[in-house]
Amino acid sequence: MLDILTAPSLYVHAAAICYVIALGIRDQLYLRLLILAGTGFYITYYLIVVDTPLWEAALWSILMAVVNFVVIVQIIRERSTFTMGAEERQLFDAFVGLAPGEFRRLMALAHWQRGDGETVLTHENQDNNRLYYVLSGTVGGEKHGRRFSIEAPSFLGEVSLVLDCPATATITTSDQCRYIYWERADIEALQRKKPSIAVALSALLKIDLARKVAAGHAPTEGLRVVAA
């Protein structure tokens, strides 16, 4: 039994077992961790166990291990929130359906702003090429001559984005609000590149629009298109 445990071939068998188990796992993180472990066994065998080091095989295995390790770090970062600030973490919690990596891609395109009480975000019946999200405070709105206010958190300009139509209300910032916005072209490009982000963002916009309809701040026409 001791001979089996100390046999040089043990490293080859251990590496092969790691690879075989990895091939049966769908989760990318665990699959790559097992492959990294298997590669480590092979490197040990090539450099230490055999009488003459197999440098060519060892160097290629080391290169594969390094590349695999880099991807593992990327996967862990994609799934974690530890690099997010407090404000981003709060926003991430509100953006249900987005994975941490998807959220970071969305936030990389965002512009963070603070209201001044004068800036007009959208003009009723005029084209709007931005999607806004109010993080804190309130914004003032006017629609068909009726004034109202919208409290955070809330999307703005989502009707224009989803239905490809002019803004349905005039929205003005308050001097206490904090908001972010995305250019429409950037959002659409990201959604084409990452369909999962498009699905999650669509769900968020549907929920937000439904709340506005219930409050009387959004049109009911076209909702069937949004839900399609």
C-alpha atoms as a PDB file:
ATOM      1  CA  MET A   1       0.000   0.000   0.000  1.00  0.00           C
ATOM      2  CA  LEU A   2       2.860   2.387   0.863  1.00  0.00           C
ATOM      3  CA  ASP A   3       4.471   1.678  -2.483  1.00  0.00           C
ATOM      4  CA  ILE A   4       1.295   2.697  -4.271  1.00  0.00           C
ATOM      5  CA  LEU A   5       1.053   5.949  -2.323  1.00  0.00           C
ATOM      6  CA  THR A   6       4.670   6.874  -3.033  1.00  0.00           C
ATOM      7  CA  ALA A   7       4.771   5.686  -6.645  1.00  0.00           C
ATOM      8  CA  PRO A   8       5.595   8.374  -9.222  1.00  0.00           C
ATOM      9  CA  SER A   9       2.537   7.409 -11.218  1.00  0.00           C
ATOM     10  CA  LEU A  10       0.355   8.567  -8.308  1.00  0.00           C
ATOM     11  CA  TYR A  11       0.718  12.191  -9.485  1.00  0.00           C
ATOM     12  CA  VAL A  12      -0.372  11.267 -12.999  1.00  0.00           C
ATOM     13  CA  HIS A  13      -3.382   9.378 -11.657  1.00  0.00           C
ATOM     14  CA  ALA A  14      -4.299  12.243  -9.295  1.00  0.00           C
ATOM     15  CA  ALA A  15      -4.071  14.753 -12.136  1.00  0.00           C
ATOM     16  CA  ALA A  16      -6.185  12.568 -14.408  1.00  0.00           C
ATOM     17  CA  ILE A  17      -8.834  12.108 -11.689  1.00  0.00           C
ATOM     18  CA  CYS A  18      -9.057  15.889 -11.244  1.00  0.00           C
ATOM     19  CA  TYR A  19      -9.537  16.331 -14.993  1.00  0.00           C
ATOM     20  CA  VAL A  20     -12.176  13.592 -15.196  1.00  0.00           C
ATOM     21  CA  ILE A  21     -14.177  15.053 -12.288  1.00  0.00           C
ATOM     22  CA  ALA A  22     -13.855  18.526 -13.793  1.00  0.00           C
ATOM     23  CA  LEU A  23     -15.353  17.353 -17.081  1.00  0.00           C
ATOM     24  CA  GLY A  24     -18.472  16.271 -15.213  1.00  0.00           C
ATOM     25  CA  ILE A  25     -19.010  19.670 -13.544  1.00  0.00           C
ATOM     26  CA  ARG A  26     -20.940  22.497 -15.217  1.00  0.00           C
ATOM     27  CA  ASP A  27     -19.984  25.265 -12.827  1.00  0.00           C
ATOM     28  CA  GLN A  28     -17.069  27.122 -14.425  1.00  0.00           C
ATOM     29  CA  LEU A  29     -15.420  28.042 -11.129  1.00  0.00           C
ATOM     30  CA  TYR A  30     -15.238  24.517  -9.695  1.00  0.00           C
ATOM     31  CA  LEU A  31     -14.351  23.072 -13.096  1.00  0.00           C
ATOM     32  CA  ARG A  32     -11.375  25.401 -13.438  1.00  0.00           C
ATOM     33  CA  LEU A  33     -10.262  24.880  -9.834  1.00  0.00           C
ATOM     34  CA  LEU A  34     -10.107  21.135 -10.436  1.00  0.00           C
ATOM     35  CA  ILE A  35      -8.217  21.616 -13.687  1.00  0.00           C
ATOM     36  CA  LEU A  36      -5.786  23.898 -11.843  1.00  0.00           C
ATOM     37  CA  ALA A  37      -5.270  21.207  -9.202  1.00  0.00           C
ATOM     38  CA  GLY A  38      -4.736  18.580 -11.908  1.00  0.00           C
ATOM     39  CA  THR A  39      -2.253  20.815 -13.697  1.00  0.00           C
ATOM     40  CA  GLY A  40      -0.406  21.264 -10.402  1.00  0.00           C
ATOM     41  CA  PHE A  41      -0.028  17.485 -10.087  1.00  0.00           C
ATOM     42  CA  TYR A  42       1.304  17.283 -13.640  1.00  0.00           C
ATOM     43  CA  ILE A  43       3.812  20.092 -13.024  1.00  0.00           C
ATOM     44  CA  THR A  44       5.018  18.350  -9.860  1.00  0.00           C
ATOM     45  CA  TYR A  45       5.441  15.113 -11.797  1.00  0.00           C
ATOM     46  CA  TYR A  46       7.301  16.768 -14.688  1.00  0.00           C
ATOM     47  CA  LEU A  47       9.732  18.709 -12.475  1.00  0.00           C
ATOM     48  CA  ILE A  48      10.199  16.735  -9.258  1.00  0.00           C
ATOM     49  CA  VAL A  49       9.052  13.145  -9.522  1.00  0.00           C
ATOM     50  CA  VAL A  50      10.728  12.005 -12.740  1.00  0.00           C
ATOM     51  CA  ASP A  51      14.481  11.461 -12.764  1.00  0.00           C
ATOM     52  CA  THR A  52      15.047  14.012 -15.528  1.00  0.00           C
ATOM     53  CA  PRO A  53      12.779  17.090 -15.485  1.00  0.00           C
ATOM     54  CA  LEU A  54      10.511  17.367 -18.507  1.00  0.00           C
ATOM     55  CA  TRP A  55      10.944  21.093 -19.017  1.00  0.00           C
ATOM     56  CA  GLU A  56       8.923  21.448 -22.208  1.00  0.00           C
ATOM     57  CA  ALA A  57       5.850  19.753 -20.729  1.00  0.00           C
ATOM     58  CA  ALA A  58       6.300  21.581 -17.415  1.00  0.00           C
ATOM     59  CA  LEU A  59       6.572  25.038 -19.009  1.00  0.00           C
ATOM     60  CA  TRP A  60       3.448  24.540 -21.108  1.00  0.00           C
ATOM     61  CA  SER A  61       1.585  23.256 -18.054  1.00  0.00           C
ATOM     62  CA  ILE A  62       2.730  26.280 -16.041  1.00  0.00           C
ATOM     63  CA  LEU A  63       1.519  28.606 -18.807  1.00  0.00           C
ATOM     64  CA  MET A  64      -1.888  26.854 -18.866  1.00  0.00           C
ATOM     65  CA  ALA A  65      -2.070  27.068 -15.064  1.00  0.00           C
ATOM     66  CA  VAL A  66      -1.339  30.820 -15.109  1.00  0.00           C
ATOM     67  CA  VAL A  67      -3.996  31.508 -17.759  1.00  0.00           C
ATOM     68  CA  ASN A  68      -6.491  29.334 -15.895  1.00  0.00           C
ATOM     69  CA  PHE A  69      -5.722  31.129 -12.617  1.00  0.00           C
ATOM     70  CA  VAL A  70      -6.313  34.545 -14.213  1.00  0.00           C
ATOM     71  CA  VAL A  71      -9.717  33.401 -15.487  1.00  0.00           C
ATOM     72  CA  ILE A  72     -10.561  31.973 -12.043  1.00  0.00           C
ATOM     73  CA  VAL A  73      -9.850  35.387 -10.482  1.00  0.00           C
ATOM     74  CA  GLN A  74     -12.099  37.003 -13.104  1.00  0.00           C
ATOM     75  CA  ILE A  75     -14.916  34.539 -12.380  1.00  0.00           C
ATOM     76  CA  ILE A  76     -14.662  35.150  -8.634  1.00  0.00           C
ATOM     77  CA  ARG A  77     -14.755  38.902  -9.225  1.00  0.00           C
ATOM     78  CA  GLU A  78     -17.771  38.490 -11.535  1.00  0.00           C
ATOM     79  CA  ARG A  79     -19.645  36.702  -8.750  1.00  0.00           C
ATOM     80  CA  SER A  80     -18.616  38.837  -5.783  1.00  0.00           C
ATOM     81  CA  THR A  81     -19.485  42.297  -4.492  1.00  0.00           C
ATOM     82  CA  PHE A  82     -16.486  42.923  -2.229  1.00  0.00           C
ATOM     83  CA  THR A  83     -14.986  45.616  -4.503  1.00  0.00           C
ATOM     84  CA  MET A  84     -18.211  47.676  -4.551  1.00  0.00           C
ATOM     85  CA  GLY A  85     -18.559  50.853  -2.528  1.00  0.00           C
ATOM     86  CA  ALA A  86     -21.460  51.418  -0.143  1.00  0.00           C
ATOM     87  CA  GLU A  87     -23.494  53.381  -2.703  1.00  0.00           C
ATOM     88  CA  GLU A  88     -22.877  50.833  -5.453  1.00  0.00           C
ATOM     89  CA  ARG A  89     -23.736  47.982  -3.083  1.00  0.00           C
ATOM     90  CA  GLN A  90     -27.057  49.645  -2.221  1.00  0.00           C
ATOM     91  CA  LEU A  91     -27.804  50.126  -5.908  1.00  0.00           C
ATOM     92  CA  PHE A  92     -26.838  46.535  -6.691  1.00  0.00           C
ATOM     93  CA  ASP A  93     -29.294  45.284  -4.071  1.00  0.00           C
ATOM     94  CA  ALA A  94     -32.024  47.269  -5.832  1.00  0.00           C
ATOM     95  CA  PHE A  95     -31.122  45.930  -9.284  1.00  0.00           C
ATOM     96  CA  VAL A  96     -32.536  42.466  -8.697  1.00  0.00           C
ATOM     97  CA  GLY A  97     -31.717  39.969 -11.436  1.00  0.00           C
ATOM     98  CA  LEU A  98     -28.279  41.308 -12.319  1.00  0.00           C
ATOM     99  CA  ALA A  99     -25.189  39.299 -11.409  1.00  0.00           C
ATOM    100  CA  PRO A 100     -22.324  41.316  -9.854  1.00  0.00           C
ATOM    101  CA  GLY A 101     -20.331  41.183 -13.089  1.00  0.00           C
ATOM    102  CA  GLU A 102     -23.309  42.299 -15.161  1.00  0.00           C
ATOM    103  CA  PHE A 103     -23.962  45.120 -12.702  1.00  0.00           C
ATOM    104  CA  ARG A 104     -20.358  46.300 -13.011  1.00  0.00           C
ATOM    105  CA  ARG A 105     -20.646  46.390 -16.803  1.00  0.00           C
ATOM    106  CA  LEU A 106     -23.802  48.472 -16.508  1.00  0.00           C
ATOM    107  CA  MET A 107     -22.227  50.839 -13.975  1.00  0.00           C
ATOM    108  CA  ALA A 108     -19.129  51.283 -16.144  1.00  0.00           C
ATOM    109  CA  LEU A 109     -21.395  53.128 -18.607  1.00  0.00           C
ATOM    110  CA  ALA A 110     -23.196  55.199 -15.970  1.00  0.00           C
ATOM    111  CA  HIS A 111     -22.715  58.908 -15.244  1.00  0.00           C
ATOM    112  CA  TRP A 112     -23.191  59.951 -11.605  1.00  0.00           C
ATOM    113  CA  GLN A 113     -24.795  63.350 -11.002  1.00  0.00           C
ATOM    114  CA  ARG A 114     -26.291  65.522  -8.264  1.00  0.00           C
ATOM    115  CA  GLY A 115     -29.428  67.622  -8.855  1.00  0.00           C
ATOM    116  CA  ASP A 116     -29.306  71.411  -8.705  1.00  0.00           C
ATOM    117  CA  GLY A 117     -33.028  72.207  -8.744  1.00  0.00           C
ATOM    118  CA  GLU A 118     -32.840  73.553 -12.298  1.00  0.00           C
ATOM    119  CA  THR A 119     -31.597  70.803 -14.600  1.00  0.00           C
ATOM    120  CA  VAL A 120     -34.338  69.404 -16.838  1.00  0.00           C
ATOM    121  CA  LEU A 121     -33.809  65.719 -17.515  1.00  0.00           C
ATOM    122  CA  THR A 122     -36.618  65.139 -20.007  1.00  0.00           C
ATOM    123  CA  HIS A 123     -39.011  67.389 -21.927  1.00  0.00           C
ATOM    124  CA  GLU A 124     -42.560  66.239 -22.582  1.00  0.00           C
ATOM    125  CA  ASN A 125     -43.124  65.150 -26.205  1.00  0.00           C
ATOM    126  CA  GLN A 126     -39.462  65.675 -27.060  1.00  0.00           C
ATOM    127  CA  ASP A 127     -36.907  63.011 -27.944  1.00  0.00           C
ATOM    128  CA  ASN A 128     -34.989  61.551 -25.038  1.00  0.00           C
ATOM    129  CA  ASN A 129     -31.756  59.614 -25.513  1.00  0.00           C
ATOM    130  CA  ARG A 130     -30.967  58.804 -21.901  1.00  0.00           C
ATOM    131  CA  LEU A 131     -32.117  56.430 -19.193  1.00  0.00           C
ATOM    132  CA  TYR A 132     -32.066  57.920 -15.685  1.00  0.00           C
ATOM    133  CA  TYR A 133     -32.211  56.366 -12.253  1.00  0.00           C
ATOM    134  CA  VAL A 134     -32.873  58.516  -9.193  1.00  0.00           C
ATOM    135  CA  LEU A 135     -30.864  57.219  -6.242  1.00  0.00           C
ATOM    136  CA  SER A 136     -32.076  59.593  -3.534  1.00  0.00           C
ATOM    137  CA  GLY A 137     -34.350  62.577  -3.058  1.00  0.00           C
ATOM    138  CA  THR A 138     -37.168  63.543  -5.408  1.00  0.00           C
ATOM    139  CA  VAL A 139     -37.633  64.993  -8.880  1.00  0.00           C
ATOM    140  CA  GLY A 140     -40.438  67.219 -10.083  1.00  0.00           C
ATOM    141  CA  GLY A 141     -42.604  66.275 -13.028  1.00  0.00           C
ATOM    142  CA  GLU A 142     -45.162  67.900 -15.281  1.00  0.00           C
ATOM    143  CA  LYS A 143     -47.460  66.015 -17.643  1.00  0.00           C
ATOM    144  CA  HIS A 144     -50.367  67.504 -19.589  1.00  0.00           C
ATOM    145  CA  GLY A 145     -50.130  70.572 -17.346  1.00  0.00           C
ATOM    146  CA  ARG A 146     -50.384  68.534 -14.149  1.00  0.00           C
ATOM    147  CA  ARG A 147     -47.515  68.734 -11.682  1.00  0.00           C
ATOM    148  CA  PHE A 148     -46.321  65.830  -9.565  1.00  0.00           C
ATOM    149  CA  SER A 149     -43.214  64.538  -7.827  1.00  0.00           C
ATOM    150  CA  ILE A 150     -41.422  61.210  -8.042  1.00  0.00           C
ATOM    151  CA  GLU A 151     -39.486  59.865  -5.073  1.00  0.00           C
ATOM    152  CA  ALA A 152     -36.361  57.759  -5.280  1.00  0.00           C
ATOM    153  CA  PRO A 153     -35.630  55.079  -6.198  1.00  0.00           C
ATOM    154  CA  SER A 154     -37.074  55.376  -9.669  1.00  0.00           C
ATOM    155  CA  PHE A 155     -36.169  55.077 -13.340  1.00  0.00           C
ATOM    156  CA  LEU A 156     -36.826  58.018 -15.647  1.00  0.00           C
ATOM    157  CA  GLY A 157     -36.921  57.959 -19.433  1.00  0.00           C
ATOM    158  CA  GLU A 158     -37.674  54.244 -19.518  1.00  0.00           C
ATOM    159  CA  VAL A 159     -40.771  54.707 -21.710  1.00  0.00           C
ATOM    160  CA  SER A 160     -38.665  56.398 -24.382  1.00  0.00           C
ATOM    161  CA  LEU A 161     -36.108  53.613 -24.196  1.00  0.00           C
ATOM    162  CA  VAL A 162     -38.521  50.707 -24.316  1.00  0.00           C
ATOM    163  CA  LEU A 163     -41.132  52.071 -26.721  1.00  0.00           C
ATOM    164  CA  ASP A 164     -38.816  54.265 -28.821  1.00  0.00           C
ATOM    165  CA  CYS A 165     -41.029  57.310 -28.374  1.00  0.00           C
ATOM    166  CA  PRO A 166     -40.687  60.902 -27.088  1.00  0.00           C
ATOM    167  CA  ALA A 167     -40.612  61.600 -23.351  1.00  0.00           C
ATOM    168  CA  THR A 168     -44.039  61.427 -21.722  1.00  0.00           C
ATOM    169  CA  ALA A 169     -43.340  64.100 -19.087  1.00  0.00           C
ATOM    170  CA  THR A 170     -41.040  66.976 -18.237  1.00  0.00           C
ATOM    171  CA  ILE A 171     -38.784  66.020 -15.336  1.00  0.00           C
ATOM    172  CA  THR A 172     -36.712  68.521 -13.357  1.00  0.00           C
ATOM    173  CA  THR A 173     -34.168  67.679 -10.673  1.00  0.00           C
ATOM    174  CA  SER A 174     -34.353  68.918  -7.104  1.00  0.00           C
ATOM    175  CA  ASP A 175     -31.352  70.273  -5.255  1.00  0.00           C
ATOM    176  CA  GLN A 176     -31.364  67.257  -2.934  1.00  0.00           C
ATOM    177  CA  CYS A 177     -31.527  64.435  -5.439  1.00  0.00           C
ATOM    178  CA  ARG A 178     -28.738  62.122  -6.533  1.00  0.00           C
ATOM    179  CA  TYR A 179     -29.084  60.351  -9.853  1.00  0.00           C
ATOM    180  CA  ILE A 180     -27.246  58.460 -12.563  1.00  0.00           C
ATOM    181  CA  TYR A 181     -27.871  58.200 -16.273  1.00  0.00           C
ATOM    182  CA  TRP A 182     -26.877  56.104 -19.256  1.00  0.00           C
ATOM    183  CA  GLU A 183     -26.774  57.118 -22.884  1.00  0.00           C
ATOM    184  CA  ARG A 184     -29.356  55.185 -24.868  1.00  0.00           C
ATOM    185  CA  ALA A 185     -26.795  54.074 -27.471  1.00  0.00           C
ATOM    186  CA  ASP A 186     -24.576  52.619 -24.725  1.00  0.00           C
ATOM    187  CA  ILE A 187     -27.480  50.738 -23.134  1.00  0.00           C
ATOM    188  CA  GLU A 188     -28.625  49.274 -26.433  1.00  0.00           C
ATOM    189  CA  ALA A 189     -25.083  48.202 -27.381  1.00  0.00           C
ATOM    190  CA  LEU A 190     -24.618  46.517 -23.999  1.00  0.00           C
ATOM    191  CA  GLN A 191     -27.959  44.711 -24.295  1.00  0.00           C
ATOM    192  CA  ARG A 192     -27.015  43.372 -27.718  1.00  0.00           C
ATOM    193  CA  LYS A 193     -23.683  42.165 -26.395  1.00  0.00           C
ATOM    194  CA  LYS A 194     -25.070  40.723 -23.157  1.00  0.00           C
ATOM    195  CA  PRO A 195     -28.637  39.391 -23.617  1.00  0.00           C
ATOM    196  CA  SER A 196     -28.839  38.415 -19.933  1.00  0.00           C
ATOM    197  CA  ILE A 197     -28.447  42.089 -18.994  1.00  0.00           C
ATOM    198  CA  ALA A 198     -31.221  42.978 -21.443  1.00  0.00           C
ATOM    199  CA  VAL A 199     -33.556  40.468 -19.769  1.00  0.00           C
ATOM    200  CA  ALA A 200     -32.767  41.673 -16.236  1.00  0.00           C
ATOM    201  CA  LEU A 201     -33.028  45.353 -17.169  1.00  0.00           C
ATOM    202  CA  SER A 202     -36.319  44.761 -18.972  1.00  0.00           C
ATOM    203  CA  ALA A 203     -37.767  43.161 -15.825  1.00  0.00           C
ATOM    204  CA  LEU A 204     -36.630  46.112 -13.699  1.00  0.00           C
ATOM    205  CA  LEU A 205     -38.165  48.616 -16.102  1.00  0.00           C
ATOM    206  CA  LYS A 206     -41.466  46.729 -16.177  1.00  0.00           C
ATOM    207  CA  ILE A 207     -41.734  46.822 -12.383  1.00  0.00           C
ATOM    208  CA  ASP A 208     -40.822  50.504 -12.259  1.00  0.00           C
ATOM    209  CA  LEU A 209     -43.242  51.426 -15.033  1.00  0.00           C
ATOM    210  CA  ALA A 210     -46.043  49.495 -13.346  1.00  0.00           C
ATOM    211  CA  ARG A 211     -45.482  51.532 -10.180  1.00  0.00           C
ATOM    212  CA  LYS A 212     -45.699  54.778 -12.157  1.00  0.00           C
ATOM    213  CA  VAL A 213     -48.895  53.658 -13.867  1.00  0.00           C
ATOM    214  CA  ALA A 214     -50.399  52.894 -10.458  1.00  0.00           C
ATOM    215  CA  ALA A 215     -49.384  56.377  -9.301  1.00  0.00           C
ATOM    216  CA  GLY A 216     -50.684  58.013 -12.490  1.00  0.00           C
ATOM    217  CA  HIS A 217     -47.262  59.189 -13.682  1.00  0.00           C
ATOM    218  CA  ALA A 218     -46.986  57.011 -16.811  1.00  0.00           C
ATOM    219  CA  PRO A 219     -49.182  56.235 -19.830  1.00  0.00           C
ATOM    220  CA  THR A 220     -50.999  52.937 -20.010  1.00  0.00           C
ATOM    221  CA  GLU A 221     -50.682  52.745 -23.771  1.00  0.00           C
ATOM    222  CA  GLY A 222     -47.954  50.486 -24.950  1.00  0.00           C
ATOM    223  CA  LEU A 223     -47.681  48.454 -21.785  1.00  0.00           C
ATOM    224  CA  ARG A 224     -48.432  45.338 -23.769  1.00  0.00           C
ATOM    225  CA  VAL A 225     -45.310  46.101 -25.814  1.00  0.00           C
ATOM    226  CA  VAL A 226     -43.208  46.411 -22.684  1.00  0.00           C
ATOM    227  CA  ALA A 227     -44.441  43.077 -21.398  1.00  0.00           C
ATOM    228  CA  ALA A 228     -43.794  41.316 -24.694  1.00  0.00           C
END
